[in-house]
Protein backbone atom coordinates (compact mmCIF):
# COMPACT_ATOMS: atom_id res chain seq x y z
CA UNK A 1 34.79 49.38 -20.38
CA UNK A 2 31.91 47.76 -18.47
CA UNK A 3 33.30 44.27 -18.96
CA UNK A 4 36.56 45.42 -17.38
CA UNK A 5 34.71 46.87 -14.40
CA UNK A 6 32.69 43.71 -13.99
CA UNK A 7 35.88 41.68 -13.96
CA UNK A 8 37.92 43.72 -11.52
CA UNK A 9 35.47 45.33 -9.09
CA UNK A 10 33.84 43.62 -6.13
CA UNK A 11 30.05 43.39 -6.08
CA UNK A 12 29.79 46.26 -3.61
CA UNK A 13 32.24 48.49 -5.51
CA UNK A 14 30.54 47.73 -8.82
CA UNK A 15 27.19 48.86 -7.41
CA UNK A 16 28.69 52.13 -6.12
CA UNK A 17 30.49 52.68 -9.44
CA UNK A 18 27.28 52.28 -11.48
CA UNK A 19 25.28 54.46 -9.10
CA UNK A 20 27.80 57.29 -9.55
CA UNK A 21 27.96 57.01 -13.34
CA UNK A 22 26.44 59.84 -15.36
CA UNK A 23 23.44 59.52 -17.67
CA UNK A 24 25.47 59.16 -20.87
CA UNK A 25 27.85 56.71 -19.26
CA UNK A 26 24.95 54.61 -17.98
CA UNK A 27 23.48 54.57 -21.49
CA UNK A 28 26.76 53.18 -22.87
CA UNK A 29 27.02 50.66 -20.05
CA UNK A 30 23.46 49.51 -20.72
CA UNK A 31 24.25 48.91 -24.38
CA UNK A 32 27.35 46.93 -23.39
CA UNK A 33 25.47 44.98 -20.72
CA UNK A 34 22.83 43.76 -23.17
CA UNK A 35 25.55 42.07 -25.19
CA UNK A 36 27.40 40.78 -22.14
CA UNK A 37 24.21 39.26 -20.70
CA UNK A 38 23.52 37.43 -23.94
CA UNK A 39 26.84 35.70 -23.56
CA UNK A 40 27.05 35.01 -19.81
CA UNK A 41 23.43 33.88 -19.50
CA UNK A 42 23.71 31.48 -22.42
CA UNK A 43 23.04 28.00 -21.03
CA UNK A 44 25.57 26.49 -23.42
CA UNK A 45 28.32 28.86 -22.28
CA UNK A 46 30.77 26.91 -20.12
CA UNK A 47 33.49 29.55 -19.91
CA UNK A 48 34.30 29.76 -16.21
CA UNK A 49 35.09 33.48 -16.26
CA UNK A 50 31.72 34.29 -17.82
CA UNK A 51 29.87 32.08 -15.34
CA UNK A 52 31.58 33.93 -12.49
CA UNK A 53 30.26 37.22 -13.85
CA UNK A 54 26.59 36.21 -13.84
CA UNK A 55 25.77 37.57 -10.39
CA UNK A 56 27.51 40.88 -11.10
CA UNK A 57 25.70 41.18 -14.43
CA UNK A 58 22.40 40.73 -12.62
CA UNK A 59 23.25 43.45 -10.09
CA UNK A 60 24.30 45.76 -12.91
CA UNK A 61 21.00 45.02 -14.67
CA UNK A 62 19.08 46.09 -11.58
CA UNK A 63 20.77 49.49 -11.79
CA UNK A 64 20.73 50.03 -15.55
CA UNK A 65 17.68 48.22 -16.94
CA UNK A 66 13.97 49.00 -16.93
CA UNK A 67 11.57 46.56 -15.28
CA UNK A 68 10.46 45.10 -18.63
CA UNK A 69 14.09 44.49 -19.57
CA UNK A 70 14.88 42.86 -16.23
CA UNK A 71 11.91 40.48 -16.67
CA UNK A 72 13.42 39.23 -19.92
CA UNK A 73 16.47 37.89 -18.08
CA UNK A 74 16.21 34.10 -17.62
CA UNK A 75 16.29 32.00 -14.47
CA UNK A 76 20.09 32.03 -14.32
CA UNK A 77 19.75 35.75 -13.65
CA UNK A 78 16.82 35.94 -11.25
CA UNK A 79 18.25 33.10 -9.19
CA UNK A 80 20.57 35.75 -7.78
CA UNK A 81 17.75 37.21 -5.67
CA UNK A 82 18.88 34.72 -3.04
CA UNK A 83 22.17 36.58 -2.57
CA UNK A 84 22.72 39.24 0.10
CA UNK A 85 23.88 41.75 -2.50
CA UNK A 86 20.54 41.56 -4.31
CA UNK A 87 18.77 42.23 -1.02
CA UNK A 88 21.06 45.22 -0.40
CA UNK A 89 20.35 46.70 -3.84
CA UNK A 90 16.58 46.23 -3.56
CA UNK A 91 16.57 47.81 -0.11
CA UNK A 92 18.52 50.77 -1.46
CA UNK A 93 16.69 51.31 -4.76
CA UNK A 94 13.19 50.43 -3.46
CA UNK A 95 11.80 49.88 -6.98
CA UNK A 96 8.02 50.26 -7.22
CA UNK A 97 7.87 47.12 -9.40
CA UNK A 98 9.42 44.77 -6.84
CA UNK A 99 6.14 43.10 -5.82
CA UNK A 100 5.19 42.54 -9.45
CA UNK A 101 8.66 41.21 -10.22
CA UNK A 102 8.59 38.65 -7.45
CA UNK A 103 5.10 37.58 -8.50
CA UNK A 104 6.52 36.99 -11.97
CA UNK A 105 9.41 34.96 -10.56
CA UNK A 106 7.01 32.88 -8.44
CA UNK A 107 4.92 32.17 -11.53
CA UNK A 108 8.07 30.94 -13.26
CA UNK A 109 9.42 28.91 -10.34
CA UNK A 110 7.55 28.04 -7.14
CA UNK A 111 10.83 26.99 -5.53
CA UNK A 112 11.80 30.66 -5.35
CA UNK A 113 9.55 30.72 -2.26
CA UNK A 114 12.62 30.23 -0.08
CA UNK A 115 14.15 33.52 -1.21
CA UNK A 116 11.09 35.64 -1.90
CA UNK A 117 9.79 34.89 1.59
CA UNK A 118 12.89 36.61 2.99
CA UNK A 119 11.94 39.81 1.18
CA UNK A 120 8.49 39.61 2.74
CA UNK A 121 10.00 39.03 6.19
CA UNK A 122 12.28 42.04 5.64
CA UNK A 123 9.24 44.17 4.82
CA UNK A 124 10.19 44.91 1.22
CA UNK A 125 7.01 43.35 -0.24
CA UNK A 126 3.57 42.34 1.03
CA UNK A 127 2.95 38.64 1.45
CA UNK A 128 2.57 37.17 -2.08
CA UNK A 129 -0.91 36.05 -3.07
CA UNK A 130 0.38 33.91 -5.94
CA UNK A 131 -0.64 30.24 -5.37
CA UNK A 132 2.93 29.26 -6.20
CA UNK A 133 3.98 30.83 -2.91
CA UNK A 134 2.03 28.11 -1.08
CA UNK A 135 3.21 25.45 -3.53
CA UNK A 136 6.72 26.57 -2.63
CA UNK A 137 5.89 25.89 1.03
CA UNK A 138 4.36 22.51 0.16
CA UNK A 139 7.53 21.52 -1.67
CA UNK A 140 9.87 22.80 1.06
CA UNK A 141 10.72 19.30 2.38
CA UNK A 142 12.42 18.40 -0.90
CA UNK A 143 14.87 21.26 -0.39
CA UNK A 144 15.27 20.80 3.36
CA UNK A 145 16.38 17.21 2.92
CA UNK A 146 19.25 18.35 0.71
CA UNK A 147 20.42 20.94 3.23
CA UNK A 148 20.41 18.76 6.33
CA UNK A 149 21.05 15.02 6.48
CA UNK A 150 19.52 14.73 9.94
CA UNK A 151 16.31 16.39 8.76
CA UNK A 152 13.65 14.66 10.82
CA UNK A 153 12.47 17.83 12.54
CA UNK A 154 13.70 20.68 10.36
CA UNK A 155 10.29 21.27 8.77
CA UNK A 156 8.72 21.24 12.22
CA UNK A 157 11.32 23.71 13.52
CA UNK A 158 10.86 25.97 10.50
CA UNK A 159 7.10 26.22 11.08
CA UNK A 160 7.47 26.52 14.85
CA UNK A 161 9.98 29.35 14.59
CA UNK A 162 8.37 31.35 11.77
CA UNK A 163 4.88 32.70 12.47
CA UNK A 164 4.33 33.78 8.86
CA UNK A 165 5.02 30.27 7.56
CA UNK A 166 2.81 28.70 10.22
CA UNK A 167 0.01 31.04 9.17
CA UNK A 168 0.51 30.01 5.54
CA UNK A 169 0.50 26.34 6.52
CA UNK A 170 -3.31 26.34 6.63
CA UNK A 171 -3.38 27.16 2.94
CA UNK A 172 -1.85 23.80 2.00
CA UNK A 173 -5.41 22.51 2.43
CA UNK A 174 -6.63 25.05 -0.13
CA UNK A 175 -3.96 25.05 -2.86
CA UNK A 176 -3.93 21.85 -4.91
CA UNK A 177 -0.40 22.11 -6.17
CA UNK A 178 1.01 21.00 -9.52
CA UNK A 179 2.17 17.68 -10.95
CA UNK A 180 5.69 17.93 -9.51
CA UNK A 181 4.73 19.50 -6.20
CA UNK A 182 1.67 18.54 -4.19
CA UNK A 183 1.27 16.86 -0.82
CA UNK A 184 1.03 13.39 -2.39
CA UNK A 185 4.02 13.72 -4.72
CA UNK A 186 6.24 15.20 -2.01
CA UNK A 187 5.39 12.22 0.19
CA UNK A 188 5.69 9.57 -2.54
CA UNK A 189 8.92 10.65 -4.18
CA UNK A 190 10.78 12.12 -1.21
CA UNK A 191 11.96 11.26 2.26
CA UNK A 192 12.23 13.02 5.57
CA UNK A 193 10.92 15.44 6.68
CA UNK A 194 7.39 14.13 6.14
CA UNK A 195 4.43 16.47 6.28
CA UNK A 196 2.19 14.02 8.17
CA UNK A 197 4.71 13.49 10.97
CA UNK A 198 5.45 17.20 11.12
CA UNK A 199 1.80 18.19 11.42
CA UNK A 200 1.18 15.55 14.08
CA UNK A 201 4.09 16.91 16.09
CA UNK A 202 2.73 20.45 15.74
CA UNK A 203 -0.55 19.13 17.15
CA UNK A 204 0.97 17.18 20.04
CA UNK A 205 3.11 20.17 21.06
CA UNK A 206 -0.03 22.37 21.07
CA UNK A 207 1.27 24.68 18.34
CA UNK A 208 -1.75 24.08 16.10
CA UNK A 209 -5.29 22.94 16.90
CA UNK A 210 -6.12 19.28 16.23
CA UNK A 211 -9.81 19.95 15.64
CA UNK A 212 -9.03 22.58 13.02
CA UNK A 213 -6.62 20.23 11.26
CA UNK A 214 -9.19 17.43 11.09
CA UNK A 215 -11.79 19.83 9.71
CA UNK A 216 -9.37 21.21 7.12
CA UNK A 217 -8.66 17.72 5.75
CA UNK A 218 -12.12 17.76 4.19
CA UNK A 219 -11.41 20.90 2.16
CA UNK A 220 -9.45 19.24 -0.69
CA UNK A 221 -12.04 16.45 -0.79
CA UNK A 222 -14.90 18.93 -1.02
CA UNK A 223 -13.08 20.68 -3.87
CA UNK A 224 -12.74 17.30 -5.63
CA UNK A 225 -9.04 17.49 -6.36
CA UNK A 226 -7.88 14.62 -8.56
CA UNK A 227 -7.61 11.29 -6.80
CA UNK A 228 -3.81 11.21 -6.49
CA UNK A 229 -3.70 14.63 -4.84
CA UNK A 230 -6.76 14.29 -2.63
CA UNK A 231 -5.59 10.85 -1.51
CA UNK A 232 -2.95 12.34 0.75
CA UNK A 233 -5.61 14.11 2.80
CA UNK A 234 -7.78 11.03 3.32
CA UNK A 235 -4.71 9.06 4.38
CA UNK A 236 -3.60 11.86 6.67
CA UNK A 237 -7.07 12.10 8.24
CA UNK A 238 -6.83 8.42 9.17
CA UNK A 239 -3.18 8.83 10.22
CA UNK A 240 -4.48 11.14 12.97
CA UNK A 241 -6.65 8.25 14.20
CA UNK A 242 -9.84 10.21 14.88
CA UNK A 243 -11.68 9.19 18.00
CA UNK A 244 -15.28 8.05 17.72
CA UNK A 245 -16.32 11.41 19.17
CA UNK A 246 -14.30 13.26 16.53
CA UNK A 247 -15.86 11.19 13.77
CA UNK A 248 -19.31 12.04 15.10
CA UNK A 249 -18.41 15.75 15.05
CA UNK A 250 -17.52 15.43 11.37
CA UNK A 251 -20.41 13.20 10.41
CA UNK A 252 -21.98 15.83 8.15
CA UNK A 253 -18.76 16.16 6.17
CA UNK A 254 -18.58 12.39 5.72
CA UNK A 255 -22.18 12.32 4.51
CA UNK A 256 -21.55 15.10 2.03
CA UNK A 257 -18.70 13.09 0.51
CA UNK A 258 -21.11 10.32 -0.50
CA UNK A 259 -22.05 12.44 -3.52
CA UNK A 260 -18.42 13.30 -4.30
CA UNK A 261 -17.17 12.57 -7.81
CA UNK A 262 -13.90 11.01 -6.58
CA UNK A 263 -14.46 7.29 -5.77
CA UNK A 264 -11.75 7.12 -3.11
CA UNK A 265 -13.36 10.03 -1.27
CA UNK A 266 -16.62 8.09 -1.16
CA UNK A 267 -14.82 5.01 0.14
CA UNK A 268 -13.11 7.11 2.80
CA UNK A 269 -16.50 8.46 3.91
CA UNK A 270 -18.21 5.07 3.94
CA UNK A 271 -15.48 3.60 6.16
CA UNK A 272 -15.95 6.40 8.68
CA UNK A 273 -19.74 6.12 8.57
CA UNK A 274 -19.47 2.36 9.06
CA UNK A 275 -17.58 3.00 12.30
CA UNK A 276 -20.33 5.35 13.47
CA UNK A 277 -22.97 2.81 12.50
CA UNK A 278 -21.30 0.00 14.43
CA UNK A 279 -21.12 2.27 17.48
CA UNK A 280 -24.82 3.25 17.23
CA UNK A 281 -23.90 6.86 16.53
CA UNK A 282 -24.93 7.17 12.90
CA UNK A 283 -27.59 9.68 11.88
CA UNK A 284 -29.67 6.96 10.22
CA UNK A 285 -32.14 9.26 8.50
CA UNK A 286 -29.38 11.39 7.00
CA UNK A 287 -27.55 8.31 5.75
CA UNK A 288 -30.62 6.80 4.11
CA UNK A 289 -31.32 10.11 2.39
CA UNK A 290 -27.73 10.37 1.13
CA UNK A 291 -26.80 6.80 0.20
CA UNK A 292 -28.11 6.60 -3.37
CA UNK A 293 -24.94 8.19 -4.73
CA UNK A 294 -22.89 5.25 -3.50
CA UNK A 295 -25.47 2.57 -4.26
CA UNK A 296 -25.17 3.34 -7.97
CA UNK A 297 -21.37 3.14 -7.86
CA UNK A 298 -19.50 0.68 -10.06
CA UNK A 299 -17.21 -0.14 -7.12
CA UNK A 300 -18.36 -3.40 -5.56
CA UNK A 301 -16.72 -2.82 -2.19
CA UNK A 302 -18.34 0.59 -1.89
CA UNK A 303 -21.81 -0.72 -2.74
CA UNK A 304 -21.37 -3.71 -0.44
CA UNK A 305 -20.39 -1.51 2.51
CA UNK A 306 -23.40 0.72 1.92
CA UNK A 307 -25.75 -2.28 1.86
CA UNK A 308 -24.31 -3.50 5.17
CA UNK A 309 -25.05 -0.15 6.80
CA UNK A 310 -28.59 -0.17 5.44
CA UNK A 311 -29.12 -3.70 6.76
CA UNK A 312 -27.90 -2.59 10.17
CA UNK A 313 -30.30 0.37 10.13
CA UNK A 314 -33.20 -1.88 9.15
CA UNK A 315 -32.42 -4.33 11.94
CA UNK A 316 -32.43 -1.52 14.51
CA UNK A 317 -35.38 0.52 13.29
CA UNK A 318 -38.03 -0.90 10.97
CA UNK A 319 -39.51 2.55 10.40
CA UNK A 320 -36.80 3.04 7.77
CA UNK A 321 -37.73 -0.10 5.82
CA UNK A 322 -39.81 1.59 3.16
CA UNK A 323 -37.13 4.18 2.43
CA UNK A 324 -34.40 1.54 2.49
CA UNK A 325 -36.21 -0.73 0.04
CA UNK A 326 -36.76 2.14 -2.39
CA UNK A 327 -33.09 3.14 -2.19
CA UNK A 328 -31.40 -0.24 -2.20
CA UNK A 329 -32.87 -1.43 -5.50
CA UNK A 330 -30.53 1.04 -7.20
CA UNK A 331 -27.66 -1.30 -6.32
CA UNK A 332 -29.04 -3.63 -8.99
CA UNK A 333 -27.37 -1.37 -11.55
CA UNK A 334 -24.14 -3.13 -10.63
CA UNK A 335 -24.19 -6.41 -12.53
CA UNK A 336 -22.60 -8.47 -9.82
CA UNK A 337 -24.24 -11.64 -8.53
CA UNK A 338 -23.16 -11.16 -4.93
CA UNK A 339 -24.46 -7.60 -4.77
CA UNK A 340 -27.73 -8.40 -6.48
CA UNK A 341 -28.40 -11.34 -4.18
CA UNK A 342 -27.77 -9.13 -1.14
CA UNK A 343 -30.30 -6.62 -2.48
CA UNK A 344 -33.01 -9.24 -2.66
CA UNK A 345 -32.17 -10.48 0.84
CA UNK A 346 -32.70 -6.97 2.16
CA UNK A 347 -35.94 -6.60 0.20
CA UNK A 348 -37.24 -9.79 1.80
CA UNK A 349 -36.93 -8.04 5.17
CA UNK A 350 -38.03 -4.54 4.23
CA UNK A 351 -40.87 -4.97 1.72
CA UNK A 352 -44.31 -6.03 2.96
CA UNK A 353 -46.11 -6.33 -0.38
CA UNK A 354 -44.15 -7.81 -3.30
CA UNK A 355 -46.87 -7.13 -5.82
CA UNK A 356 -46.98 -3.42 -5.06
CA UNK A 357 -43.21 -3.28 -5.23
CA UNK A 358 -42.88 -4.94 -8.65
CA UNK A 359 -43.00 -1.70 -10.62
CA UNK A 360 -39.92 -0.44 -8.80
CA UNK A 361 -37.96 -3.36 -10.24
CA UNK A 362 -38.96 -2.71 -13.85
CA UNK A 363 -35.90 -0.56 -14.73
CA UNK A 364 -33.58 -3.42 -13.74
CA UNK A 365 -35.08 -6.27 -15.78
CA UNK A 366 -32.24 -6.37 -18.32
CA UNK A 367 -29.52 -5.90 -15.71
CA UNK A 368 -30.07 -9.02 -13.63
CA UNK A 369 -27.25 -11.54 -14.02
CA UNK A 370 -28.23 -15.15 -14.91
CA UNK A 371 -27.45 -16.62 -11.50
CA UNK A 372 -29.86 -14.16 -9.84
CA UNK A 373 -32.76 -14.59 -12.28
CA UNK A 374 -34.60 -16.94 -9.89
CA UNK A 375 -34.60 -14.36 -7.09
CA UNK A 376 -35.72 -11.67 -9.50
CA UNK A 377 -38.63 -13.66 -10.96
CA UNK A 378 -39.90 -14.39 -7.44
CA UNK A 379 -40.40 -10.62 -7.17
CA UNK A 380 -41.16 -9.69 -10.71
CA UNK A 381 -43.57 -11.89 -12.72
């Protein structure tokens, strides 16, 4: 009987029919629907008539099933939440489990953001706190580019026109994402609309604050997200082309990154601090106190850049020489001839008494490369 009704009635008439059914009749329909769902929601089922019944079966399930039974329906069923009829039924029934249900769907599929957000906008649920809600926003460009060929500005327009989404935008700096959906993967494997261009346009049109954006770019770095995912934020920071004044304002954040566990974050910080140093704006004391974390790096370019800054500090203010000499010897851990020779050149300028300094070189005796032995023995006999 139910199968016949599913086949002949419209979605709206089916809903009215089930609502008017008596308790015993609903019990029979429920028993029938369990069997019908097993068939129509079978992925291997390619019978066109059954496929056409999937949406109606879902609407019938909303009327006849308990929440626990509805949760057991697979993605082919809950995908129907995007349809107007599902919205109509939820508005009418007002189930007390709706928020929990949508949280479950978000956990299963972050791309359901597009549809679940509509229920929030309609006032049926509070704004979801599930991280997948933000991941759904992060991944939005991949779906926008399929809906609109001329999609250069559609992400920008979406954020500009929807205050709730613009408010959630700030959380993309706080939610790391997953392997298939994070700021880096969306940029690398997709096309327009690009997040970096969109955010820049939001800044230039005064919709969001540039200073806040620059500050927020440090959040993923501070949280030490894996290199691939955090890399988008360092690139985006530089894409905004910070002025020298803006770099000075964020000097403390750059300095804090020197002890970061992600090598590319350290490199990003050193490049910014080098700019400040060359413009005589670097907090020299703070840098000297923080530089040991990069001096012991196994990345030659990172160590070399740090040594250059220390040399510049020494040339400008000899009062730092003692501290610099005690710090820079740690670069000898890197068994590279060029780096080790640079260390001894700096020591020649910063150390007054070689004999007193010898003990500080003891830990590095077995690390000196052959081509630098002569420089080492001149200091350590």
